[in-house]
Amino acid sequence: MEIADDRVSVKGPKGELTRTVPAAMQVAMQDGVVRVTRPSDAKRHKSLHGLTRTLIANMVKGVSDGYEKILELRGVGYRAEVKGKTLTLALGYSHPVEVEPPPGVEFIVEPGTLPGSTERYFVIRVRGCDKQAVGQQAAMIRKWRSPEPYKGKGLRYRGEQVRKKAGKAGKVGG
């Protein structure tokens, strides 16, 4: 880890991250521990202190362990595959959707079947060392086809509960 003026750089097995910290915060390395100190107990300084500490902790965790967001693509005819580094999605549009990963982010696609069912789905793993970049990329992918409330088709995060609505009621007496 390198600390120079208002820049913190962290290197690890998963990559390298650099971030500018607010000028009011002092970051120092003491006995292998990173210390963030604030100049006063003003509300703004307290907020910046917690934010800076968390951002640096996320950087250290990212370069050592990495981050991963898992998306599930459900629906008949919906497909996902990785060609080179590009994620190609067939989402029912007239054209395939191609998503280029930003630097430091990679896509992994695995087919799967729902437990107790024969319905197939695809698992899309978005991995990288920058927590913000991984989360942003996963959100942008999900935005292409959010889960719809009637059949639950679309892209959802793993573990996300989609509230289903009742379908159209049949005509009575007709």
C-alpha atoms as a PDB file:
ATOM      1  CA  MET A   1       0.000   0.000   0.000  1.00  0.00           C
ATOM      2  CA  GLU A   2       1.246   3.461  -0.908  1.00  0.00           C
ATOM      3  CA  ILE A   3       0.017   6.715   0.579  1.00  0.00           C
ATOM      4  CA  ALA A   4       1.089   9.938  -1.154  1.00  0.00           C
ATOM      5  CA  ASP A   5      -0.544  13.301  -0.363  1.00  0.00           C
ATOM      6  CA  ASP A   6      -4.240  12.691  -1.058  1.00  0.00           C
ATOM      7  CA  ARG A   7      -3.861   9.460  -3.086  1.00  0.00           C
ATOM      8  CA  VAL A   8      -4.007   5.896  -1.764  1.00  0.00           C
ATOM      9  CA  SER A   9      -2.787   3.024  -3.958  1.00  0.00           C
ATOM     10  CA  VAL A  10      -3.297  -0.633  -3.113  1.00  0.00           C
ATOM     11  CA  LYS A  11      -1.755  -3.610  -4.940  1.00  0.00           C
ATOM     12  CA  GLY A  12      -2.673  -7.256  -4.532  1.00  0.00           C
ATOM     13  CA  PRO A  13      -3.066 -10.563  -6.361  1.00  0.00           C
ATOM     14  CA  LYS A  14      -6.374  -9.505  -7.981  1.00  0.00           C
ATOM     15  CA  GLY A  15      -5.184  -6.128  -9.270  1.00  0.00           C
ATOM     16  CA  GLU A  16      -4.302  -2.573  -8.372  1.00  0.00           C
ATOM     17  CA  LEU A  17      -6.586   0.269  -7.248  1.00  0.00           C
ATOM     18  CA  THR A  18      -5.925   3.976  -6.702  1.00  0.00           C
ATOM     19  CA  ARG A  19      -8.247   6.496  -5.121  1.00  0.00           C
ATOM     20  CA  THR A  20      -8.089  10.144  -4.142  1.00  0.00           C
ATOM     21  CA  VAL A  21      -9.139  10.740  -0.545  1.00  0.00           C
ATOM     22  CA  PRO A  22     -10.705  14.005   0.671  1.00  0.00           C
ATOM     23  CA  ALA A  23      -8.085  16.611   1.570  1.00  0.00           C
ATOM     24  CA  ALA A  24      -9.461  17.032   5.099  1.00  0.00           C
ATOM     25  CA  MET A  25      -8.721  13.389   6.020  1.00  0.00           C
ATOM     26  CA  GLN A  26      -5.244  12.266   7.005  1.00  0.00           C
ATOM     27  CA  VAL A  27      -4.352   8.691   6.061  1.00  0.00           C
ATOM     28  CA  ALA A  28      -1.270   7.063   7.589  1.00  0.00           C
ATOM     29  CA  MET A  29       0.197   3.569   7.792  1.00  0.00           C
ATOM     30  CA  GLN A  30       1.267   2.525  11.322  1.00  0.00           C
ATOM     31  CA  ASP A  31       2.563  -0.986  12.097  1.00  0.00           C
ATOM     32  CA  GLY A  32       0.814  -2.487   9.052  1.00  0.00           C
ATOM     33  CA  VAL A  33      -2.500  -0.835   9.957  1.00  0.00           C
ATOM     34  CA  VAL A  34      -4.059   2.009   7.985  1.00  0.00           C
ATOM     35  CA  ARG A  35      -5.247   4.871  10.204  1.00  0.00           C
ATOM     36  CA  VAL A  36      -7.684   7.538   9.019  1.00  0.00           C
ATOM     37  CA  THR A  37      -7.938  10.629  11.224  1.00  0.00           C
ATOM     38  CA  ARG A  38     -10.236  13.640  10.990  1.00  0.00           C
ATOM     39  CA  PRO A  39      -9.395  17.230  11.929  1.00  0.00           C
ATOM     40  CA  SER A  40     -12.523  17.877  14.049  1.00  0.00           C
ATOM     41  CA  ASP A  41     -15.808  16.378  15.222  1.00  0.00           C
ATOM     42  CA  ALA A  42     -17.865  18.427  12.785  1.00  0.00           C
ATOM     43  CA  LYS A  43     -20.660  16.457  11.117  1.00  0.00           C
ATOM     44  CA  ARG A  44     -19.032  16.740   7.674  1.00  0.00           C
ATOM     45  CA  HIS A  45     -15.686  15.493   8.971  1.00  0.00           C
ATOM     46  CA  LYS A  46     -17.321  12.562  10.748  1.00  0.00           C
ATOM     47  CA  SER A  47     -19.106  11.590   7.524  1.00  0.00           C
ATOM     48  CA  LEU A  48     -15.935  11.871   5.440  1.00  0.00           C
ATOM     49  CA  HIS A  49     -14.013   9.885   8.060  1.00  0.00           C
ATOM     50  CA  GLY A  50     -16.365   6.900   7.841  1.00  0.00           C
ATOM     51  CA  LEU A  51     -16.577   7.098   4.041  1.00  0.00           C
ATOM     52  CA  THR A  52     -12.795   7.249   3.605  1.00  0.00           C
ATOM     53  CA  ARG A  53     -12.224   4.351   6.009  1.00  0.00           C
ATOM     54  CA  THR A  54     -14.811   2.211   4.210  1.00  0.00           C
ATOM     55  CA  LEU A  55     -13.489   3.035   0.731  1.00  0.00           C
ATOM     56  CA  ILE A  56      -9.946   2.059   1.742  1.00  0.00           C
ATOM     57  CA  ALA A  57     -11.203  -1.157   3.401  1.00  0.00           C
ATOM     58  CA  ASN A  58     -13.124  -2.024   0.203  1.00  0.00           C
ATOM     59  CA  MET A  59      -9.991  -1.402  -1.883  1.00  0.00           C
ATOM     60  CA  VAL A  60      -7.918  -3.738   0.308  1.00  0.00           C
ATOM     61  CA  LYS A  61     -10.593  -6.458   0.234  1.00  0.00           C
ATOM     62  CA  GLY A  62     -11.002  -6.043  -3.535  1.00  0.00           C
ATOM     63  CA  VAL A  63      -7.347  -6.511  -4.440  1.00  0.00           C
ATOM     64  CA  SER A  64      -6.991  -9.489  -2.090  1.00  0.00           C
ATOM     65  CA  ASP A  65     -10.312 -11.375  -2.449  1.00  0.00           C
ATOM     66  CA  GLY A  66     -12.211  -9.547  -5.209  1.00  0.00           C
ATOM     67  CA  TYR A  67     -15.921  -8.855  -5.544  1.00  0.00           C
ATOM     68  CA  GLU A  68     -18.645 -10.738  -7.387  1.00  0.00           C
ATOM     69  CA  LYS A  69     -22.263 -10.023  -8.274  1.00  0.00           C
ATOM     70  CA  ILE A  70     -24.371 -12.940  -9.505  1.00  0.00           C
ATOM     71  CA  LEU A  71     -27.268 -12.415 -11.924  1.00  0.00           C
ATOM     72  CA  GLU A  72     -29.784 -15.032 -13.072  1.00  0.00           C
ATOM     73  CA  LEU A  73     -31.352 -14.877 -16.535  1.00  0.00           C
ATOM     74  CA  ARG A  74     -34.716 -16.648 -16.603  1.00  0.00           C
ATOM     75  CA  GLY A  75     -37.177 -16.970 -19.444  1.00  0.00           C
ATOM     76  CA  VAL A  76     -37.897 -19.101 -22.489  1.00  0.00           C
ATOM     77  CA  GLY A  77     -35.622 -18.099 -25.347  1.00  0.00           C
ATOM     78  CA  TYR A  78     -33.376 -15.910 -23.204  1.00  0.00           C
ATOM     79  CA  ARG A  79     -29.706 -16.820 -23.562  1.00  0.00           C
ATOM     80  CA  ALA A  80     -26.319 -15.578 -22.401  1.00  0.00           C
ATOM     81  CA  GLU A  81     -22.788 -16.356 -23.545  1.00  0.00           C
ATOM     82  CA  VAL A  82     -19.327 -14.851 -23.399  1.00  0.00           C
ATOM     83  CA  LYS A  83     -17.477 -14.309 -26.687  1.00  0.00           C
ATOM     84  CA  GLY A  84     -13.930 -13.245 -25.927  1.00  0.00           C
ATOM     85  CA  LYS A  85     -14.527 -10.740 -23.146  1.00  0.00           C
ATOM     86  CA  THR A  86     -17.890  -9.533 -24.472  1.00  0.00           C
ATOM     87  CA  LEU A  87     -21.133 -10.701 -22.863  1.00  0.00           C
ATOM     88  CA  THR A  88     -23.789 -11.452 -25.496  1.00  0.00           C
ATOM     89  CA  LEU A  89     -27.418 -11.601 -24.325  1.00  0.00           C
ATOM     90  CA  ALA A  90     -30.481 -12.758 -26.266  1.00  0.00           C
ATOM     91  CA  LEU A  91     -33.325 -11.027 -24.410  1.00  0.00           C
ATOM     92  CA  GLY A  92     -36.195 -11.147 -26.869  1.00  0.00           C
ATOM     93  CA  TYR A  93     -35.185  -8.045 -28.778  1.00  0.00           C
ATOM     94  CA  SER A  94     -34.686  -8.104 -32.555  1.00  0.00           C
ATOM     95  CA  HIS A  95     -30.915  -7.986 -31.980  1.00  0.00           C
ATOM     96  CA  PRO A  96     -28.528  -9.497 -29.438  1.00  0.00           C
ATOM     97  CA  VAL A  97     -27.338  -7.179 -26.671  1.00  0.00           C
ATOM     98  CA  GLU A  98     -23.554  -7.018 -26.402  1.00  0.00           C
ATOM     99  CA  VAL A  99     -21.951  -5.717 -23.204  1.00  0.00           C
ATOM    100  CA  GLU A 100     -18.261  -4.780 -23.107  1.00  0.00           C
ATOM    101  CA  PRO A 101     -16.695  -5.034 -19.645  1.00  0.00           C
ATOM    102  CA  PRO A 102     -14.823  -2.030 -18.234  1.00  0.00           C
ATOM    103  CA  PRO A 103     -11.139  -2.578 -17.346  1.00  0.00           C
ATOM    104  CA  GLY A 104     -10.752  -4.900 -14.368  1.00  0.00           C
ATOM    105  CA  VAL A 105     -14.180  -6.542 -14.734  1.00  0.00           C
ATOM    106  CA  GLU A 106     -14.859  -9.968 -16.238  1.00  0.00           C
ATOM    107  CA  PHE A 107     -17.976 -11.984 -17.069  1.00  0.00           C
ATOM    108  CA  ILE A 108     -18.518 -15.710 -16.528  1.00  0.00           C
ATOM    109  CA  VAL A 109     -21.674 -17.481 -17.782  1.00  0.00           C
ATOM    110  CA  GLU A 110     -22.879 -20.856 -16.510  1.00  0.00           C
ATOM    111  CA  PRO A 111     -26.060 -22.703 -17.537  1.00  0.00           C
ATOM    112  CA  GLY A 112     -28.242 -24.165 -14.801  1.00  0.00           C
ATOM    113  CA  THR A 113     -31.614 -25.706 -13.985  1.00  0.00           C
ATOM    114  CA  LEU A 114     -34.008 -24.629 -11.274  1.00  0.00           C
ATOM    115  CA  PRO A 115     -34.262 -27.152  -8.416  1.00  0.00           C
ATOM    116  CA  GLY A 116     -37.383 -29.314  -8.710  1.00  0.00           C
ATOM    117  CA  SER A 117     -38.058 -28.101 -12.257  1.00  0.00           C
ATOM    118  CA  THR A 118     -36.841 -28.570 -15.800  1.00  0.00           C
ATOM    119  CA  GLU A 119     -36.742 -24.809 -16.437  1.00  0.00           C
ATOM    120  CA  ARG A 120     -33.294 -23.710 -17.592  1.00  0.00           C
ATOM    121  CA  TYR A 121     -31.665 -20.450 -16.709  1.00  0.00           C
ATOM    122  CA  PHE A 122     -28.248 -18.809 -17.013  1.00  0.00           C
ATOM    123  CA  VAL A 123     -26.025 -17.609 -14.195  1.00  0.00           C
ATOM    124  CA  ILE A 124     -23.972 -14.516 -15.068  1.00  0.00           C
ATOM    125  CA  ARG A 125     -21.091 -13.753 -12.712  1.00  0.00           C
ATOM    126  CA  VAL A 126     -19.649 -10.237 -12.779  1.00  0.00           C
ATOM    127  CA  ARG A 127     -16.210 -10.251 -11.112  1.00  0.00           C
ATOM    128  CA  GLY A 128     -13.538  -7.671 -10.390  1.00  0.00           C
ATOM    129  CA  CYS A 129     -11.469  -5.967  -7.714  1.00  0.00           C
ATOM    130  CA  ASP A 130     -13.329  -2.620  -7.741  1.00  0.00           C
ATOM    131  CA  LYS A 131     -16.576  -2.943  -5.774  1.00  0.00           C
ATOM    132  CA  GLN A 132     -18.161   0.106  -7.405  1.00  0.00           C
ATOM    133  CA  ALA A 133     -17.329  -1.030 -10.961  1.00  0.00           C
ATOM    134  CA  VAL A 134     -18.663  -4.564 -10.360  1.00  0.00           C
ATOM    135  CA  GLY A 135     -21.927  -3.282  -8.853  1.00  0.00           C
ATOM    136  CA  GLN A 136     -22.392  -0.676 -11.583  1.00  0.00           C
ATOM    137  CA  GLN A 137     -21.804  -3.203 -14.378  1.00  0.00           C
ATOM    138  CA  ALA A 138     -24.223  -5.713 -12.814  1.00  0.00           C
ATOM    139  CA  ALA A 139     -26.886  -2.992 -12.511  1.00  0.00           C
ATOM    140  CA  MET A 140     -26.397  -1.951 -16.149  1.00  0.00           C
ATOM    141  CA  ILE A 141     -26.783  -5.564 -17.320  1.00  0.00           C
ATOM    142  CA  ARG A 142     -29.921  -6.055 -15.195  1.00  0.00           C
ATOM    143  CA  LYS A 143     -31.409  -2.875 -16.662  1.00  0.00           C
ATOM    144  CA  TRP A 144     -31.595  -4.490 -20.134  1.00  0.00           C
ATOM    145  CA  ARG A 145     -34.426  -6.787 -19.006  1.00  0.00           C
ATOM    146  CA  SER A 146     -35.574  -6.343 -15.408  1.00  0.00           C
ATOM    147  CA  PRO A 147     -37.752  -9.162 -14.041  1.00  0.00           C
ATOM    148  CA  GLU A 148     -41.358  -8.675 -15.058  1.00  0.00           C
ATOM    149  CA  PRO A 149     -44.039  -9.198 -12.379  1.00  0.00           C
ATOM    150  CA  TYR A 150     -46.330 -11.677 -14.161  1.00  0.00           C
ATOM    151  CA  LYS A 151     -44.062 -14.585 -15.091  1.00  0.00           C
ATOM    152  CA  GLY A 152     -40.836 -13.501 -13.400  1.00  0.00           C
ATOM    153  CA  LYS A 153     -38.871 -13.560 -16.665  1.00  0.00           C
ATOM    154  CA  GLY A 154     -35.775 -11.403 -17.016  1.00  0.00           C
ATOM    155  CA  LEU A 155     -32.508 -10.640 -15.249  1.00  0.00           C
ATOM    156  CA  ARG A 156     -32.447 -10.683 -11.456  1.00  0.00           C
ATOM    157  CA  TYR A 157     -29.808 -10.739  -8.764  1.00  0.00           C
ATOM    158  CA  ARG A 158     -29.263 -14.097  -7.075  1.00  0.00           C
ATOM    159  CA  GLY A 159     -31.579 -14.298  -4.089  1.00  0.00           C
ATOM    160  CA  GLU A 160     -33.775 -11.406  -5.279  1.00  0.00           C
ATOM    161  CA  GLN A 161     -37.454 -12.033  -4.608  1.00  0.00           C
ATOM    162  CA  VAL A 162     -39.683 -10.958  -7.496  1.00  0.00           C
ATOM    163  CA  ARG A 163     -43.213 -10.153  -6.330  1.00  0.00           C
ATOM    164  CA  LYS A 164     -45.581 -11.725  -8.804  1.00  0.00           C
ATOM    165  CA  LYS A 165     -48.920 -10.176  -9.665  1.00  0.00           C
ATOM    166  CA  ALA A 166     -52.112 -12.023 -10.438  1.00  0.00           C
ATOM    167  CA  GLY A 167     -52.814 -12.396 -14.135  1.00  0.00           C
ATOM    168  CA  LYS A 168     -55.799 -10.988 -15.971  1.00  0.00           C
ATOM    169  CA  ALA A 169     -59.055 -12.321 -14.572  1.00  0.00           C
ATOM    170  CA  GLY A 170     -61.328 -14.204 -16.951  1.00  0.00           C
ATOM    171  CA  LYS A 171     -64.588 -12.649 -18.114  1.00  0.00           C
ATOM    172  CA  VAL A 172     -67.508 -13.725 -15.943  1.00  0.00           C
ATOM    173  CA  GLY A 173     -70.855 -14.572 -17.562  1.00  0.00           C
ATOM    174  CA  GLY A 174     -69.595 -14.036 -21.055  1.00  0.00           C
END
